[in-house]
Amino acid sequence: MILIGLTMLRHLNTRHGDWHDALDQRWSVFLTQCGLTPLYLPNDPDISTALVKQLRPHGLLLTGGGDCSAVTGALDNRDTTEQALLDLAGELLLPVLGVCRGMQVMLTRAGGTLESVSDHVGKHMIVEAEEHRQVNSFHDYGFRHVPSGYDVLAMSDDGVVEAVCHPQLRHTGIMWHPERSPAAHALDIQRVLQSFGVAP
């Protein structure tokens, strides 16, 4: 079993005023197709870091959904949890994959600047590994430049950075949602396995 720790979004139940940790069920389907097993990490920095220290997953996945503190200007429990997990990943030398919001968290933490983008809600074209393909994305902010140490792996046709890696930190980021495709794309499976250092 190859265990991967996943962060979750925060969802407000407006009827009762309580917050829920949540994750699209398609993540478990996609990770199963990759031969990986999810470990769900709650939006509590103490509990999540304790789980990672004790269970030692093979890597961490910062999922998408919602805006990060670089957009909202305020830290919530998810922001503090993901910052703590990034610190811990650095200490334990764990690879980290950031998806959409997760890549935003990763790059803004390293000094990157988010810019408003258009036409990135829904399907659009990217160039990855010299291949043009359509991806499913859902974001209004992205990057046109990356912080030092990060290499660009994919770009959209309108010049927005779509995928990055930092070999020394073992960070990988993608701005689209591979879990939302009806059938997993071979390049997505390959990218995820490479990010965690798992042979396909």
N, C-alpha and C. Protein backbone atom coordinates (compact mmCIF):
# COMPACT_ATOMS: atom_id res chain seq x y z
N MET A 1 0.85 -1.20 0.00
CA MET A 1 0.00 0.00 0.00
C MET A 1 0.88 1.25 0.00
N ILE A 2 0.62 2.15 -0.94
CA ILE A 2 1.34 3.43 -1.01
C ILE A 2 0.40 4.52 -0.54
N LEU A 3 0.62 4.99 0.68
CA LEU A 3 -0.28 5.93 1.33
C LEU A 3 0.10 7.37 0.97
N ILE A 4 -0.91 8.17 0.58
CA ILE A 4 -0.70 9.58 0.25
C ILE A 4 -1.63 10.43 1.11
N GLY A 5 -1.08 11.39 1.84
CA GLY A 5 -1.89 12.27 2.66
C GLY A 5 -2.55 13.36 1.84
N LEU A 6 -3.86 13.51 1.97
CA LEU A 6 -4.62 14.51 1.20
C LEU A 6 -5.22 15.57 2.13
N THR A 7 -5.04 16.84 1.77
CA THR A 7 -5.75 17.90 2.48
C THR A 7 -7.16 18.01 1.93
N MET A 8 -8.02 18.71 2.67
CA MET A 8 -9.42 18.81 2.28
C MET A 8 -9.89 20.26 2.31
N LEU A 9 -10.95 20.53 1.56
CA LEU A 9 -11.52 21.88 1.59
C LEU A 9 -12.40 22.05 2.81
N ARG A 10 -12.72 23.30 3.12
CA ARG A 10 -13.65 23.61 4.21
C ARG A 10 -14.97 24.04 3.60
N HIS A 11 -16.06 23.43 4.09
CA HIS A 11 -17.39 23.73 3.56
C HIS A 11 -18.29 24.19 4.70
N LEU A 12 -18.89 25.37 4.52
CA LEU A 12 -19.78 25.92 5.53
C LEU A 12 -21.21 25.45 5.30
N ASN A 13 -21.79 24.80 6.31
CA ASN A 13 -23.20 24.45 6.29
C ASN A 13 -23.97 25.69 6.75
N THR A 14 -24.50 26.43 5.79
CA THR A 14 -25.13 27.71 6.13
C THR A 14 -26.39 27.54 6.97
N ARG A 15 -27.03 26.39 6.88
CA ARG A 15 -28.25 26.18 7.66
C ARG A 15 -27.94 26.11 9.16
N HIS A 16 -26.85 25.44 9.50
CA HIS A 16 -26.52 25.25 10.92
C HIS A 16 -25.31 26.07 11.36
N GLY A 17 -24.59 26.65 10.39
CA GLY A 17 -23.45 27.50 10.74
C GLY A 17 -22.22 26.72 11.16
N ASP A 18 -22.13 25.44 10.77
CA ASP A 18 -20.97 24.65 11.15
C ASP A 18 -20.12 24.34 9.91
N TRP A 19 -18.82 24.14 10.18
CA TRP A 19 -17.87 23.89 9.11
C TRP A 19 -17.60 22.39 8.98
N HIS A 20 -17.50 21.93 7.73
CA HIS A 20 -17.21 20.54 7.44
C HIS A 20 -15.92 20.44 6.63
N ASP A 21 -15.11 19.42 6.89
CA ASP A 21 -14.01 19.08 6.00
C ASP A 21 -14.59 18.19 4.91
N ALA A 22 -14.21 18.44 3.66
CA ALA A 22 -14.81 17.70 2.56
C ALA A 22 -13.81 17.46 1.44
N LEU A 23 -14.09 16.43 0.64
CA LEU A 23 -13.22 16.10 -0.49
C LEU A 23 -14.06 15.40 -1.56
N ASP A 24 -13.85 15.79 -2.80
CA ASP A 24 -14.53 15.16 -3.92
C ASP A 24 -14.22 13.66 -3.91
N GLN A 25 -15.26 12.83 -3.97
CA GLN A 25 -15.07 11.38 -3.95
C GLN A 25 -14.31 10.86 -5.15
N ARG A 26 -14.24 11.68 -6.21
CA ARG A 26 -13.50 11.27 -7.40
C ARG A 26 -12.00 11.18 -7.13
N TRP A 27 -11.53 11.82 -6.04
CA TRP A 27 -10.10 11.69 -5.70
C TRP A 27 -9.74 10.25 -5.37
N SER A 28 -10.58 9.58 -4.62
CA SER A 28 -10.25 8.19 -4.27
C SER A 28 -10.26 7.31 -5.51
N VAL A 29 -11.16 7.60 -6.45
CA VAL A 29 -11.22 6.83 -7.70
C VAL A 29 -9.94 7.07 -8.51
N PHE A 30 -9.55 8.33 -8.66
CA PHE A 30 -8.36 8.65 -9.43
C PHE A 30 -7.10 8.08 -8.79
N LEU A 31 -6.96 8.23 -7.48
CA LEU A 31 -5.76 7.71 -6.81
C LEU A 31 -5.69 6.19 -6.90
N THR A 32 -6.85 5.53 -6.85
CA THR A 32 -6.86 4.08 -7.04
C THR A 32 -6.34 3.71 -8.42
N GLN A 33 -6.72 4.49 -9.43
CA GLN A 33 -6.22 4.26 -10.78
C GLN A 33 -4.70 4.45 -10.85
N CYS A 34 -4.17 5.29 -9.95
CA CYS A 34 -2.72 5.52 -9.88
C CYS A 34 -2.02 4.48 -9.00
N GLY A 35 -2.79 3.61 -8.35
CA GLY A 35 -2.21 2.63 -7.45
C GLY A 35 -1.83 3.20 -6.10
N LEU A 36 -2.52 4.30 -5.70
CA LEU A 36 -2.23 4.99 -4.44
C LEU A 36 -3.44 4.94 -3.51
N THR A 37 -3.18 5.02 -2.21
CA THR A 37 -4.24 4.97 -1.20
C THR A 37 -4.31 6.29 -0.44
N PRO A 38 -5.50 6.93 -0.39
CA PRO A 38 -5.60 8.23 0.28
C PRO A 38 -5.65 8.13 1.80
N LEU A 39 -4.96 9.08 2.44
CA LEU A 39 -5.06 9.30 3.88
C LEU A 39 -5.62 10.71 4.05
N TYR A 40 -6.86 10.83 4.51
CA TYR A 40 -7.52 12.13 4.59
C TYR A 40 -7.04 12.88 5.84
N LEU A 41 -6.59 14.12 5.61
CA LEU A 41 -6.03 14.92 6.69
C LEU A 41 -6.98 16.07 7.02
N PRO A 42 -7.45 16.16 8.27
CA PRO A 42 -8.41 17.21 8.63
C PRO A 42 -7.75 18.58 8.69
N ASN A 43 -8.59 19.61 8.64
CA ASN A 43 -8.10 20.99 8.71
C ASN A 43 -7.81 21.38 10.15
N ASP A 44 -6.85 20.69 10.71
CA ASP A 44 -6.34 20.97 12.05
C ASP A 44 -4.85 20.68 12.00
N PRO A 45 -4.01 21.72 12.12
CA PRO A 45 -2.57 21.50 11.94
C PRO A 45 -1.96 20.50 12.91
N ASP A 46 -2.42 20.50 14.16
CA ASP A 46 -1.86 19.58 15.14
C ASP A 46 -2.21 18.13 14.82
N ILE A 47 -3.48 17.87 14.51
CA ILE A 47 -3.90 16.51 14.23
C ILE A 47 -3.28 16.01 12.93
N SER A 48 -3.29 16.85 11.90
CA SER A 48 -2.77 16.41 10.60
C SER A 48 -1.27 16.14 10.65
N THR A 49 -0.51 17.00 11.31
CA THR A 49 0.93 16.75 11.40
C THR A 49 1.21 15.51 12.25
N ALA A 50 0.41 15.28 13.29
CA ALA A 50 0.59 14.08 14.11
C ALA A 50 0.31 12.83 13.28
N LEU A 51 -0.73 12.87 12.46
CA LEU A 51 -1.04 11.72 11.60
C LEU A 51 0.10 11.42 10.64
N VAL A 52 0.65 12.47 10.04
CA VAL A 52 1.75 12.28 9.09
C VAL A 52 2.99 11.72 9.80
N LYS A 53 3.29 12.25 10.98
CA LYS A 53 4.45 11.76 11.72
C LYS A 53 4.30 10.29 12.11
N GLN A 54 3.08 9.90 12.49
CA GLN A 54 2.88 8.53 12.94
C GLN A 54 2.72 7.54 11.80
N LEU A 55 1.96 7.93 10.76
CA LEU A 55 1.64 6.99 9.69
C LEU A 55 2.62 7.06 8.51
N ARG A 56 3.41 8.13 8.45
CA ARG A 56 4.45 8.30 7.44
C ARG A 56 3.98 7.96 6.02
N PRO A 57 3.04 8.75 5.48
CA PRO A 57 2.63 8.52 4.09
C PRO A 57 3.81 8.74 3.14
N HIS A 58 3.67 8.21 1.95
CA HIS A 58 4.73 8.30 0.94
C HIS A 58 4.90 9.74 0.45
N GLY A 59 3.84 10.55 0.55
CA GLY A 59 3.88 11.94 0.12
C GLY A 59 2.60 12.64 0.53
N LEU A 60 2.52 13.94 0.19
CA LEU A 60 1.35 14.75 0.52
C LEU A 60 0.76 15.34 -0.74
N LEU A 61 -0.57 15.47 -0.76
CA LEU A 61 -1.27 16.06 -1.88
C LEU A 61 -2.13 17.20 -1.36
N LEU A 62 -1.82 18.43 -1.77
CA LEU A 62 -2.63 19.59 -1.41
C LEU A 62 -3.69 19.73 -2.49
N THR A 63 -4.94 19.45 -2.16
CA THR A 63 -6.01 19.41 -3.15
C THR A 63 -6.52 20.81 -3.46
N GLY A 64 -7.46 20.87 -4.41
CA GLY A 64 -8.03 22.15 -4.82
C GLY A 64 -9.32 22.45 -4.08
N GLY A 65 -10.00 23.48 -4.55
CA GLY A 65 -11.26 23.88 -3.94
C GLY A 65 -11.11 25.04 -2.99
N GLY A 66 -11.77 26.17 -3.29
CA GLY A 66 -11.71 27.34 -2.42
C GLY A 66 -10.48 28.19 -2.68
N ASP A 67 -10.48 29.38 -2.10
CA ASP A 67 -9.38 30.32 -2.28
C ASP A 67 -8.39 30.23 -1.12
N CYS A 68 -7.11 30.39 -1.44
CA CYS A 68 -6.07 30.38 -0.41
C CYS A 68 -5.89 31.78 0.16
N SER A 69 -5.08 31.90 1.19
CA SER A 69 -4.90 33.17 1.89
C SER A 69 -4.30 34.25 0.99
N ALA A 70 -3.55 33.86 -0.05
CA ALA A 70 -2.98 34.85 -0.97
C ALA A 70 -4.08 35.58 -1.74
N VAL A 71 -5.26 34.95 -1.86
CA VAL A 71 -6.40 35.58 -2.53
C VAL A 71 -7.30 36.28 -1.52
N THR A 72 -7.60 35.61 -0.41
CA THR A 72 -8.55 36.17 0.57
C THR A 72 -7.92 37.21 1.48
N GLY A 73 -6.61 37.11 1.69
CA GLY A 73 -5.95 38.03 2.61
C GLY A 73 -6.08 37.63 4.07
N ALA A 74 -6.65 36.46 4.33
CA ALA A 74 -6.84 35.99 5.72
C ALA A 74 -6.52 34.51 5.80
N LEU A 75 -5.94 34.10 6.94
CA LEU A 75 -5.62 32.70 7.17
C LEU A 75 -6.80 31.99 7.82
N ASP A 76 -7.19 30.83 7.29
CA ASP A 76 -8.18 30.00 7.97
C ASP A 76 -7.51 28.68 8.37
N ASN A 77 -8.29 27.76 8.92
CA ASN A 77 -7.72 26.50 9.42
C ASN A 77 -7.05 25.69 8.31
N ARG A 78 -7.59 25.78 7.11
CA ARG A 78 -6.97 25.04 6.01
C ARG A 78 -5.61 25.64 5.67
N ASP A 79 -5.53 26.95 5.61
CA ASP A 79 -4.25 27.60 5.31
C ASP A 79 -3.19 27.22 6.34
N THR A 80 -3.53 27.30 7.62
CA THR A 80 -2.54 26.99 8.66
C THR A 80 -2.17 25.51 8.64
N THR A 81 -3.14 24.65 8.32
CA THR A 81 -2.84 23.22 8.24
C THR A 81 -1.89 22.93 7.09
N GLU A 82 -2.16 23.51 5.93
CA GLU A 82 -1.30 23.24 4.77
C GLU A 82 0.09 23.85 4.94
N GLN A 83 0.18 25.00 5.60
CA GLN A 83 1.50 25.57 5.87
C GLN A 83 2.28 24.65 6.82
N ALA A 84 1.62 24.14 7.84
CA ALA A 84 2.28 23.23 8.77
C ALA A 84 2.71 21.94 8.07
N LEU A 85 1.88 21.45 7.17
CA LEU A 85 2.22 20.22 6.45
C LEU A 85 3.39 20.45 5.48
N LEU A 86 3.46 21.62 4.87
CA LEU A 86 4.60 21.93 4.00
C LEU A 86 5.88 22.02 4.82
N ASP A 87 5.79 22.60 6.01
CA ASP A 87 6.97 22.64 6.90
C ASP A 87 7.41 21.21 7.24
N LEU A 88 6.45 20.37 7.59
CA LEU A 88 6.77 19.00 7.99
C LEU A 88 7.31 18.20 6.81
N ALA A 89 6.75 18.42 5.63
CA ALA A 89 7.23 17.71 4.45
C ALA A 89 8.70 18.05 4.20
N GLY A 90 9.07 19.31 4.43
CA GLY A 90 10.46 19.70 4.28
C GLY A 90 11.37 18.99 5.28
N GLU A 91 10.87 18.84 6.51
CA GLU A 91 11.67 18.17 7.55
C GLU A 91 11.82 16.68 7.25
N LEU A 92 10.73 16.06 6.78
CA LEU A 92 10.73 14.61 6.54
C LEU A 92 11.14 14.24 5.12
N LEU A 93 11.42 15.25 4.29
CA LEU A 93 11.80 15.03 2.89
C LEU A 93 10.71 14.30 2.11
N LEU A 94 9.46 14.66 2.40
CA LEU A 94 8.32 14.05 1.70
C LEU A 94 8.02 14.83 0.42
N PRO A 95 7.76 14.14 -0.69
CA PRO A 95 7.32 14.85 -1.89
C PRO A 95 5.92 15.41 -1.71
N VAL A 96 5.66 16.55 -2.36
CA VAL A 96 4.36 17.21 -2.26
C VAL A 96 3.84 17.50 -3.65
N LEU A 97 2.58 17.16 -3.89
CA LEU A 97 1.89 17.52 -5.13
C LEU A 97 0.79 18.52 -4.79
N GLY A 98 0.82 19.68 -5.43
CA GLY A 98 -0.22 20.68 -5.24
C GLY A 98 -1.11 20.74 -6.46
N VAL A 99 -2.42 20.63 -6.28
CA VAL A 99 -3.38 20.65 -7.39
C VAL A 99 -4.23 21.91 -7.28
N CYS A 100 -4.19 22.75 -8.31
CA CYS A 100 -4.95 23.99 -8.39
C CYS A 100 -4.66 24.88 -7.16
N ARG A 101 -5.56 24.96 -6.21
CA ARG A 101 -5.31 25.75 -5.01
C ARG A 101 -4.01 25.31 -4.33
N GLY A 102 -3.74 24.00 -4.36
CA GLY A 102 -2.52 23.49 -3.75
C GLY A 102 -1.27 24.05 -4.39
N MET A 103 -1.28 24.19 -5.72
CA MET A 103 -0.15 24.81 -6.41
C MET A 103 -0.07 26.29 -6.07
N GLN A 104 -1.21 26.94 -5.93
CA GLN A 104 -1.21 28.35 -5.53
C GLN A 104 -0.57 28.53 -4.15
N VAL A 105 -0.91 27.66 -3.22
CA VAL A 105 -0.33 27.71 -1.88
C VAL A 105 1.18 27.51 -1.95
N MET A 106 1.59 26.52 -2.70
CA MET A 106 3.00 26.17 -2.83
C MET A 106 3.83 27.32 -3.40
N LEU A 107 3.35 27.91 -4.49
CA LEU A 107 4.14 28.93 -5.17
C LEU A 107 4.09 30.29 -4.48
N THR A 108 2.95 30.66 -3.90
CA THR A 108 2.90 31.94 -3.18
C THR A 108 3.75 31.87 -1.92
N ARG A 109 3.81 30.72 -1.30
CA ARG A 109 4.68 30.52 -0.13
C ARG A 109 6.14 30.74 -0.51
N ALA A 110 6.50 30.40 -1.76
CA ALA A 110 7.88 30.55 -2.24
C ALA A 110 8.14 31.94 -2.82
N GLY A 111 7.13 32.82 -2.79
CA GLY A 111 7.32 34.18 -3.28
C GLY A 111 6.66 34.47 -4.60
N GLY A 112 5.91 33.51 -5.15
CA GLY A 112 5.22 33.72 -6.42
C GLY A 112 4.04 34.67 -6.25
N THR A 113 3.65 35.30 -7.35
CA THR A 113 2.54 36.27 -7.33
C THR A 113 1.38 35.76 -8.18
N LEU A 114 0.22 35.66 -7.57
CA LEU A 114 -0.98 35.27 -8.29
C LEU A 114 -1.52 36.44 -9.09
N GLU A 115 -1.96 36.16 -10.32
CA GLU A 115 -2.57 37.17 -11.17
C GLU A 115 -3.94 36.68 -11.61
N SER A 116 -4.85 37.64 -11.82
CA SER A 116 -6.17 37.30 -12.32
C SER A 116 -6.06 36.76 -13.74
N VAL A 117 -6.77 35.64 -14.02
CA VAL A 117 -6.78 35.05 -15.35
C VAL A 117 -8.22 34.85 -15.79
N SER A 118 -8.42 34.77 -17.10
CA SER A 118 -9.77 34.55 -17.62
C SER A 118 -9.80 33.28 -18.45
N ASP A 119 -10.99 32.73 -18.59
CA ASP A 119 -11.21 31.53 -19.40
C ASP A 119 -10.46 30.31 -18.88
N HIS A 120 -10.28 30.23 -17.56
CA HIS A 120 -9.66 29.04 -16.97
C HIS A 120 -10.66 28.30 -16.07
N VAL A 121 -11.92 28.60 -16.24
CA VAL A 121 -12.98 27.86 -15.57
C VAL A 121 -13.64 26.97 -16.62
N GLY A 122 -13.41 25.67 -16.49
CA GLY A 122 -13.87 24.73 -17.50
C GLY A 122 -12.69 24.15 -18.25
N LYS A 123 -12.93 23.67 -19.43
CA LYS A 123 -11.87 23.00 -20.19
C LYS A 123 -11.09 24.00 -21.04
N HIS A 124 -9.77 23.84 -21.08
CA HIS A 124 -8.94 24.66 -21.96
C HIS A 124 -7.70 23.87 -22.32
N MET A 125 -6.92 24.41 -23.26
CA MET A 125 -5.78 23.69 -23.82
C MET A 125 -4.48 24.05 -23.10
N ILE A 126 -3.63 23.05 -22.93
CA ILE A 126 -2.29 23.25 -22.39
C ILE A 126 -1.28 22.53 -23.28
N VAL A 127 -0.02 22.88 -23.11
CA VAL A 127 1.07 22.16 -23.75
C VAL A 127 1.90 21.52 -22.64
N GLU A 128 1.96 20.20 -22.63
CA GLU A 128 2.70 19.44 -21.62
C GLU A 128 3.48 18.34 -22.33
N ALA A 129 4.77 18.28 -22.06
CA ALA A 129 5.63 17.27 -22.69
C ALA A 129 5.46 17.30 -24.21
N GLU A 130 5.40 18.53 -24.75
CA GLU A 130 5.28 18.77 -26.20
C GLU A 130 3.96 18.24 -26.78
N GLU A 131 3.01 17.98 -25.93
CA GLU A 131 1.70 17.51 -26.38
C GLU A 131 0.63 18.52 -26.03
N HIS A 132 -0.18 18.91 -27.02
CA HIS A 132 -1.35 19.76 -26.77
C HIS A 132 -2.49 18.86 -26.28
N ARG A 133 -3.08 19.25 -25.18
CA ARG A 133 -4.23 18.48 -24.71
C ARG A 133 -5.17 19.35 -23.91
N GLN A 134 -6.39 18.89 -23.78
CA GLN A 134 -7.42 19.62 -23.05
C GLN A 134 -7.45 19.14 -21.60
N VAL A 135 -7.54 20.10 -20.67
CA VAL A 135 -7.62 19.76 -19.25
C VAL A 135 -8.84 20.42 -18.64
N ASN A 136 -9.23 19.92 -17.48
CA ASN A 136 -10.39 20.43 -16.76
C ASN A 136 -9.90 21.27 -15.58
N SER A 137 -10.07 22.57 -15.67
CA SER A 137 -9.58 23.44 -14.60
C SER A 137 -10.71 24.31 -14.06
N PHE A 138 -10.46 24.94 -12.92
CA PHE A 138 -11.48 25.77 -12.29
C PHE A 138 -10.78 26.79 -11.40
N HIS A 139 -10.18 27.81 -12.02
CA HIS A 139 -9.49 28.83 -11.22
C HIS A 139 -9.54 30.18 -11.90
N ASP A 140 -9.60 31.23 -11.09
CA ASP A 140 -9.62 32.61 -11.58
C ASP A 140 -8.29 33.31 -11.38
N TYR A 141 -7.35 32.63 -10.72
CA TYR A 141 -6.02 33.20 -10.47
C TYR A 141 -4.96 32.18 -10.86
N GLY A 142 -3.87 32.69 -11.43
CA GLY A 142 -2.78 31.81 -11.83
C GLY A 142 -1.46 32.55 -11.84
N PHE A 143 -0.45 31.91 -12.39
CA PHE A 143 0.91 32.47 -12.41
C PHE A 143 1.39 32.61 -13.86
N ARG A 144 2.06 33.72 -14.12
CA ARG A 144 2.74 33.90 -15.41
C ARG A 144 4.25 33.79 -15.23
N HIS A 145 4.69 33.80 -13.98
CA HIS A 145 6.11 33.63 -13.66
C HIS A 145 6.18 32.73 -12.42
N VAL A 146 7.29 31.99 -12.26
CA VAL A 146 7.43 31.09 -11.12
C VAL A 146 8.61 31.52 -10.27
N PRO A 147 8.58 31.21 -8.97
CA PRO A 147 9.69 31.56 -8.08
C PRO A 147 10.96 30.80 -8.45
N SER A 148 12.08 31.30 -7.98
CA SER A 148 13.37 30.68 -8.22
C SER A 148 13.37 29.24 -7.72
N GLY A 149 13.96 28.35 -8.52
CA GLY A 149 14.05 26.94 -8.15
C GLY A 149 12.98 26.09 -8.78
N TYR A 150 11.89 26.73 -9.23
CA TYR A 150 10.80 25.98 -9.85
C TYR A 150 10.97 25.95 -11.37
N ASP A 151 10.76 24.79 -11.97
CA ASP A 151 10.80 24.63 -13.42
C ASP A 151 9.38 24.53 -13.96
N VAL A 152 9.14 25.15 -15.10
CA VAL A 152 7.82 25.08 -15.73
C VAL A 152 7.72 23.79 -16.55
N LEU A 153 6.65 23.03 -16.31
CA LEU A 153 6.42 21.76 -17.01
C LEU A 153 5.31 21.85 -18.04
N ALA A 154 4.39 22.80 -17.88
CA ALA A 154 3.28 22.93 -18.82
C ALA A 154 2.78 24.37 -18.80
N MET A 155 2.29 24.82 -19.95
CA MET A 155 1.75 26.17 -20.10
C MET A 155 0.40 26.08 -20.81
N SER A 156 -0.45 27.05 -20.55
CA SER A 156 -1.69 27.17 -21.32
C SER A 156 -1.41 27.98 -22.57
N ASP A 157 -2.33 27.93 -23.50
CA ASP A 157 -2.15 28.66 -24.75
C ASP A 157 -2.10 30.17 -24.55
N ASP A 158 -2.65 30.66 -23.43
CA ASP A 158 -2.63 32.10 -23.18
C ASP A 158 -1.49 32.53 -22.26
N GLY A 159 -0.49 31.66 -22.08
CA GLY A 159 0.71 32.05 -21.36
C GLY A 159 0.67 31.93 -19.85
N VAL A 160 -0.28 31.17 -19.33
CA VAL A 160 -0.38 30.94 -17.88
C VAL A 160 0.34 29.64 -17.54
N VAL A 161 1.12 29.65 -16.47
CA VAL A 161 1.85 28.45 -16.04
C VAL A 161 0.84 27.42 -15.53
N GLU A 162 0.92 26.21 -16.06
CA GLU A 162 -0.05 25.17 -15.70
C GLU A 162 0.54 24.03 -14.87
N ALA A 163 1.86 23.86 -14.90
CA ALA A 163 2.49 22.81 -14.10
C ALA A 163 3.94 23.19 -13.82
N VAL A 164 4.41 22.84 -12.63
CA VAL A 164 5.77 23.18 -12.21
C VAL A 164 6.36 22.03 -11.39
N CYS A 165 7.68 22.09 -11.20
CA CYS A 165 8.32 21.19 -10.25
C CYS A 165 9.53 21.90 -9.65
N HIS A 166 9.88 21.50 -8.45
CA HIS A 166 11.09 21.97 -7.77
C HIS A 166 11.83 20.71 -7.31
N PRO A 167 12.83 20.27 -8.08
CA PRO A 167 13.49 18.99 -7.78
C PRO A 167 14.09 18.91 -6.38
N GLN A 168 14.68 20.00 -5.89
CA GLN A 168 15.32 19.95 -4.57
C GLN A 168 14.28 19.83 -3.45
N LEU A 169 13.19 20.58 -3.56
CA LEU A 169 12.14 20.51 -2.53
C LEU A 169 11.22 19.33 -2.71
N ARG A 170 11.30 18.68 -3.88
CA ARG A 170 10.40 17.58 -4.25
C ARG A 170 8.95 18.06 -4.32
N HIS A 171 8.78 19.27 -4.87
CA HIS A 171 7.46 19.86 -5.07
C HIS A 171 7.05 19.72 -6.53
N THR A 172 5.79 19.38 -6.76
CA THR A 172 5.19 19.39 -8.08
C THR A 172 3.84 20.08 -7.96
N GLY A 173 3.48 20.87 -8.96
CA GLY A 173 2.19 21.53 -8.94
C GLY A 173 1.53 21.49 -10.30
N ILE A 174 0.20 21.31 -10.32
CA ILE A 174 -0.57 21.38 -11.56
C ILE A 174 -1.81 22.23 -11.28
N MET A 175 -2.26 22.97 -12.28
CA MET A 175 -3.39 23.87 -12.08
C MET A 175 -4.72 23.29 -12.56
N TRP A 176 -4.72 22.09 -13.08
CA TRP A 176 -5.98 21.47 -13.51
C TRP A 176 -6.37 20.37 -12.53
N HIS A 177 -7.55 19.77 -12.75
CA HIS A 177 -8.11 18.77 -11.84
C HIS A 177 -8.14 17.40 -12.52
N PRO A 178 -7.12 16.58 -12.34
CA PRO A 178 -7.10 15.27 -13.00
C PRO A 178 -8.21 14.35 -12.50
N GLU A 179 -8.67 14.58 -11.28
CA GLU A 179 -9.70 13.70 -10.70
C GLU A 179 -11.06 13.91 -11.36
N ARG A 180 -11.23 15.01 -12.08
CA ARG A 180 -12.54 15.32 -12.66
C ARG A 180 -12.76 14.73 -14.05
N SER A 181 -11.74 14.13 -14.62
CA SER A 181 -11.90 13.51 -15.93
C SER A 181 -12.59 12.16 -15.78
N PRO A 182 -13.53 11.83 -16.68
CA PRO A 182 -14.24 10.54 -16.58
C PRO A 182 -13.28 9.35 -16.58
N ALA A 183 -12.22 9.45 -17.39
CA ALA A 183 -11.19 8.41 -17.42
C ALA A 183 -9.85 9.11 -17.21
N ALA A 184 -9.03 8.57 -16.33
CA ALA A 184 -7.75 9.20 -16.01
C ALA A 184 -6.86 9.26 -17.25
N HIS A 185 -6.28 10.42 -17.50
CA HIS A 185 -5.37 10.59 -18.62
C HIS A 185 -4.03 9.97 -18.27
N ALA A 186 -3.42 9.30 -19.23
CA ALA A 186 -2.14 8.62 -18.97
C ALA A 186 -1.07 9.59 -18.50
N LEU A 187 -1.05 10.82 -19.06
CA LEU A 187 -0.06 11.81 -18.63
C LEU A 187 -0.30 12.26 -17.19
N ASP A 188 -1.56 12.31 -16.77
CA ASP A 188 -1.86 12.68 -15.39
C ASP A 188 -1.37 11.60 -14.42
N ILE A 189 -1.64 10.35 -14.75
CA ILE A 189 -1.16 9.26 -13.91
C ILE A 189 0.36 9.28 -13.84
N GLN A 190 1.00 9.47 -14.98
CA GLN A 190 2.46 9.52 -15.01
C GLN A 190 2.99 10.67 -14.18
N ARG A 191 2.37 11.86 -14.30
CA ARG A 191 2.82 13.02 -13.54
C ARG A 191 2.67 12.79 -12.04
N VAL A 192 1.55 12.23 -11.62
CA VAL A 192 1.33 11.98 -10.20
C VAL A 192 2.35 10.98 -9.67
N LEU A 193 2.55 9.89 -10.36
CA LEU A 193 3.52 8.88 -9.90
C LEU A 193 4.94 9.45 -9.87
N GLN A 194 5.30 10.23 -10.88
CA GLN A 194 6.63 10.84 -10.88
C GLN A 194 6.79 11.81 -9.72
N SER A 195 5.74 12.56 -9.40
CA SER A 195 5.82 13.54 -8.32
C SER A 195 6.09 12.86 -6.98
N PHE A 196 5.57 11.63 -6.81
CA PHE A 196 5.78 10.91 -5.57
C PHE A 196 6.93 9.91 -5.64
N GLY A 197 7.64 9.93 -6.76
CA GLY A 197 8.80 9.04 -6.89
C GLY A 197 8.41 7.58 -6.96
N VAL A 198 7.23 7.31 -7.54
CA VAL A 198 6.73 5.94 -7.67
C VAL A 198 6.88 5.50 -9.12
N ALA A 199 7.46 4.35 -9.34
CA ALA A 199 7.62 3.84 -10.70
C ALA A 199 6.26 3.46 -11.27
N PRO A 200 5.97 3.88 -12.53
CA PRO A 200 4.66 3.53 -13.14
C PRO A 200 4.57 2.03 -13.41
